[in-house]
Amino acid sequence: MFSVYTLFPFVLLSMMDMGSPFVPFSAEVACSVTKCQESWGGFYFSSGLLFVCLFLLLASLSTMTPPVGAVIAIVAVIGIAFTYFAMIGRLAYSIGQAVNDPPMKNDIDRSRKTDAI
């Protein structure tokens, strides 16, 4: 289950980037893991909190009467699934902005002040 949690966003975004479900790897997505560490870390942290909250909710609903608990559980699972995929979309948007940016201009020689001796 942990591998699904860690690999699913990477594989899904790679498939969407390549435009084919048969290509589960994309160089741009792999590059974004190092370029956008804050976006990826924020996604994994918030999705981990989301799943922990869902687990605690489902554990507490097991003490309720079955019809009421089932209705609340169904609504919660659907809501959290939509929230999770919205988070993946937000991650895709943020890494898309960073990966598609034009390369930075190398003007370090002109910006440095040289000491004239």
Protein backbone atom coordinates (compact mmCIF):
# COMPACT_ATOMS: atom_id res chain seq x y z
CA MET A 1 0.00 0.00 0.00
CA PHE A 2 2.89 2.34 0.71
CA SER A 3 4.22 1.88 -2.83
CA VAL A 4 0.82 2.86 -4.23
CA TYR A 5 0.89 5.96 -2.05
CA THR A 6 4.37 6.94 -3.21
CA LEU A 7 4.32 5.87 -6.86
CA PHE A 8 0.74 6.63 -7.95
CA PRO A 9 1.11 10.43 -8.35
CA PHE A 10 4.44 10.09 -10.16
CA VAL A 11 3.17 7.40 -12.55
CA LEU A 12 -0.16 9.16 -13.16
CA LEU A 13 1.49 12.50 -13.93
CA SER A 14 4.03 10.76 -16.18
CA MET A 15 1.29 9.01 -18.13
CA MET A 16 -0.61 12.27 -18.53
CA ASP A 17 2.55 14.09 -19.62
CA MET A 18 3.44 11.46 -22.22
CA GLY A 19 -0.17 11.15 -23.39
CA SER A 20 -0.21 7.36 -23.18
CA PRO A 21 -1.17 4.94 -20.41
CA PHE A 22 1.56 2.58 -21.62
CA VAL A 23 4.43 4.98 -20.80
CA PRO A 24 4.62 5.28 -17.01
CA PHE A 25 7.79 7.41 -17.00
CA SER A 26 8.35 10.99 -18.11
CA ALA A 27 11.68 12.80 -18.01
CA GLU A 28 9.95 16.10 -17.22
CA VAL A 29 8.15 14.65 -14.20
CA ALA A 30 11.35 13.00 -13.02
CA CYS A 31 13.17 16.32 -13.38
CA SER A 32 10.42 18.06 -11.42
CA VAL A 33 11.09 15.87 -8.39
CA THR A 34 14.43 17.63 -7.91
CA LYS A 35 13.35 21.06 -9.17
CA CYS A 36 10.10 21.30 -7.21
CA GLN A 37 10.90 19.58 -3.94
CA GLU A 38 8.58 21.87 -1.98
CA SER A 39 5.62 21.10 -4.22
CA TRP A 40 6.18 17.35 -4.04
CA GLY A 41 6.84 17.44 -0.30
CA GLY A 42 3.76 19.55 0.35
CA PHE A 43 1.67 17.17 -1.72
CA TYR A 44 2.88 14.06 0.10
CA PHE A 45 2.55 15.69 3.51
CA SER A 46 -0.98 16.98 2.90
CA SER A 47 -2.15 13.76 1.28
CA GLY A 48 -0.73 11.80 4.21
CA LEU A 49 -2.70 13.99 6.60
CA LEU A 50 -5.77 13.54 4.43
CA PHE A 51 -5.52 9.75 4.55
CA VAL A 52 -4.83 9.69 8.30
CA CYS A 53 -7.94 11.82 8.87
CA LEU A 54 -9.95 9.47 6.64
CA PHE A 55 -8.67 6.45 8.58
CA LEU A 56 -9.57 8.04 11.91
CA LEU A 57 -13.01 8.99 10.61
CA LEU A 58 -13.68 5.47 9.34
CA ALA A 59 -12.45 3.99 12.62
CA SER A 60 -14.78 6.24 14.60
CA LEU A 61 -17.68 5.50 12.25
CA SER A 62 -17.36 1.79 13.00
CA THR A 63 -18.87 2.49 16.42
CA MET A 64 -22.03 4.05 14.94
CA THR A 65 -25.13 2.30 13.69
CA PRO A 66 -24.51 0.75 10.26
CA PRO A 67 -26.88 2.82 8.06
CA VAL A 68 -25.78 6.19 9.43
CA GLY A 69 -22.10 5.24 9.51
CA ALA A 70 -22.25 3.86 5.97
CA VAL A 71 -23.79 7.04 4.56
CA ILE A 72 -21.23 9.26 6.30
CA ALA A 73 -18.38 6.96 5.20
CA ILE A 74 -19.51 6.97 1.56
CA VAL A 75 -19.78 10.76 1.49
CA ALA A 76 -16.40 11.14 3.22
CA VAL A 77 -14.58 8.71 0.92
CA ILE A 78 -15.97 10.39 -2.21
CA GLY A 79 -15.12 13.85 -0.88
CA ILE A 80 -11.59 12.83 0.03
CA ALA A 81 -11.08 11.14 -3.35
CA PHE A 82 -12.10 14.37 -5.11
CA THR A 83 -9.83 16.36 -2.80
CA TYR A 84 -6.90 14.02 -3.47
CA PHE A 85 -7.24 14.31 -7.24
CA ALA A 86 -7.59 18.08 -6.93
CA MET A 87 -4.30 18.03 -5.01
CA ILE A 88 -2.69 16.03 -7.84
CA GLY A 89 -3.98 18.65 -10.27
CA ARG A 90 -2.52 21.44 -8.17
CA LEU A 91 0.80 19.56 -8.07
CA ALA A 92 0.73 19.14 -11.86
CA TYR A 93 0.08 22.86 -12.29
CA SER A 94 2.91 23.87 -9.97
CA ILE A 95 5.49 21.52 -11.48
CA GLY A 96 4.34 22.47 -14.97
CA GLN A 97 5.11 26.09 -14.23
CA ALA A 98 8.60 25.25 -12.99
CA VAL A 99 9.54 22.76 -15.70
CA ASN A 100 8.25 24.88 -18.60
CA ASP A 101 9.97 28.08 -17.48
CA PRO A 102 12.64 29.31 -19.88
CA PRO A 103 16.16 28.69 -18.66
CA MET A 104 17.68 31.41 -16.56
CA LYS A 105 20.01 33.78 -18.34
CA ASN A 106 23.64 33.31 -17.36
CA ASP A 107 24.81 36.84 -16.70
CA ILE A 108 26.96 36.23 -13.66
CA ASP A 109 30.03 37.73 -15.35
CA ARG A 110 28.21 40.98 -16.01
CA SER A 111 26.53 41.14 -12.63
CA ARG A 112 29.71 40.61 -10.60
CA LYS A 113 31.63 43.65 -9.63
CA THR A 114 35.27 43.26 -10.45
CA ASP A 115 37.89 44.88 -8.31
CA ALA A 116 40.22 46.95 -10.40
CA ILE A 117 43.73 46.75 -9.02
